Amino acid sequence: MNNTNAVWTGAEDTVLVAAIRKYGLFQWSRISSLLPRKTPQQCKSRWFNYVNPNLSKTQWTRQEDVRL
């Protein structure tokens, strides 16, 4: 895979979020068709690991750490 394909721009993130709002979380092929050079797998990964506004990006609490 070419490294330039892995780099996401702010504009691509905006398109990704808008496409997910329109098509939902199960239309990765359709969503990726709106993003040249991005595969369905890259779109899904970007959403679940970086862009999803429900992601907690803070450090784990002591209780979470103990639970693991």
Protein backbone atom coordinates (compact mmCIF):
# COMPACT_ATOMS: atom_id res chain seq x y z
CA MET A 1 0.00 0.00 0.00
CA ASN A 2 1.22 3.46 -0.85
CA ASN A 3 1.73 5.63 2.25
CA THR A 4 -0.07 8.59 0.66
CA ASN A 5 -3.26 6.51 0.74
CA ALA A 6 -3.00 6.24 4.51
CA VAL A 7 -2.85 10.01 5.09
CA TRP A 8 -6.24 11.61 5.69
CA THR A 9 -6.99 15.28 5.14
CA GLY A 10 -9.50 17.34 7.08
CA ALA A 11 -11.63 17.56 3.93
CA GLU A 12 -11.68 13.75 3.65
CA ASP A 13 -12.71 13.45 7.30
CA THR A 14 -15.55 15.89 6.62
CA VAL A 15 -16.73 13.83 3.63
CA LEU A 16 -16.47 10.66 5.70
CA VAL A 17 -18.61 12.06 8.52
CA ALA A 18 -21.23 13.42 6.10
CA ALA A 19 -21.38 10.12 4.22
CA ILE A 20 -21.82 8.14 7.43
CA ARG A 21 -24.65 10.45 8.48
CA LYS A 22 -26.31 9.89 5.12
CA TYR A 23 -25.64 6.17 4.54
CA GLY A 24 -25.00 4.76 8.03
CA LEU A 25 -22.30 2.44 9.35
CA PHE A 26 -22.89 -0.49 7.00
CA GLN A 27 -22.29 1.09 3.57
CA TRP A 28 -18.49 1.23 3.55
CA SER A 29 -18.19 0.55 -0.20
CA ARG A 30 -20.64 3.33 -0.99
CA ILE A 31 -18.88 5.69 1.43
CA SER A 32 -15.43 4.90 0.03
CA SER A 33 -16.70 5.60 -3.50
CA LEU A 34 -16.94 9.26 -2.41
CA LEU A 35 -13.30 9.28 -1.30
CA PRO A 36 -10.79 8.68 -4.10
CA ARG A 37 -7.84 6.51 -3.01
CA LYS A 38 -9.63 5.22 0.11
CA THR A 39 -10.81 1.64 0.49
CA PRO A 40 -13.90 0.55 2.41
CA GLN A 41 -11.60 -0.89 5.07
CA GLN A 42 -9.70 2.39 5.43
CA CYS A 43 -12.96 4.33 5.82
CA LYS A 44 -14.27 1.94 8.45
CA SER A 45 -10.99 2.00 10.36
CA ARG A 46 -10.78 5.79 10.21
CA TRP A 47 -14.30 6.12 11.61
CA PHE A 48 -13.99 3.62 14.44
CA ASN A 49 -10.44 4.56 15.47
CA TYR A 50 -10.20 8.32 14.92
CA VAL A 51 -13.21 10.29 13.70
CA ASN A 52 -16.16 8.90 15.68
CA PRO A 53 -17.19 11.69 18.07
CA ASN A 54 -18.15 9.10 20.71
CA LEU A 55 -14.55 7.95 21.11
CA SER A 56 -13.00 8.67 24.46
CA LYS A 57 -9.53 10.10 23.95
CA THR A 58 -8.66 10.53 27.59
CA GLN A 59 -6.43 8.34 29.71
CA TRP A 60 -7.98 5.26 31.25
CA THR A 61 -9.33 5.61 34.75
CA ARG A 62 -7.93 3.48 37.54
CA GLN A 63 -11.17 1.46 37.55
CA GLU A 64 -10.87 0.75 33.80
CA ASP A 65 -7.25 -0.26 34.25
CA VAL A 66 -8.14 -2.63 37.11
CA ARG A 67 -11.02 -4.11 35.11
CA LEU A 68 -8.59 -5.21 32.42
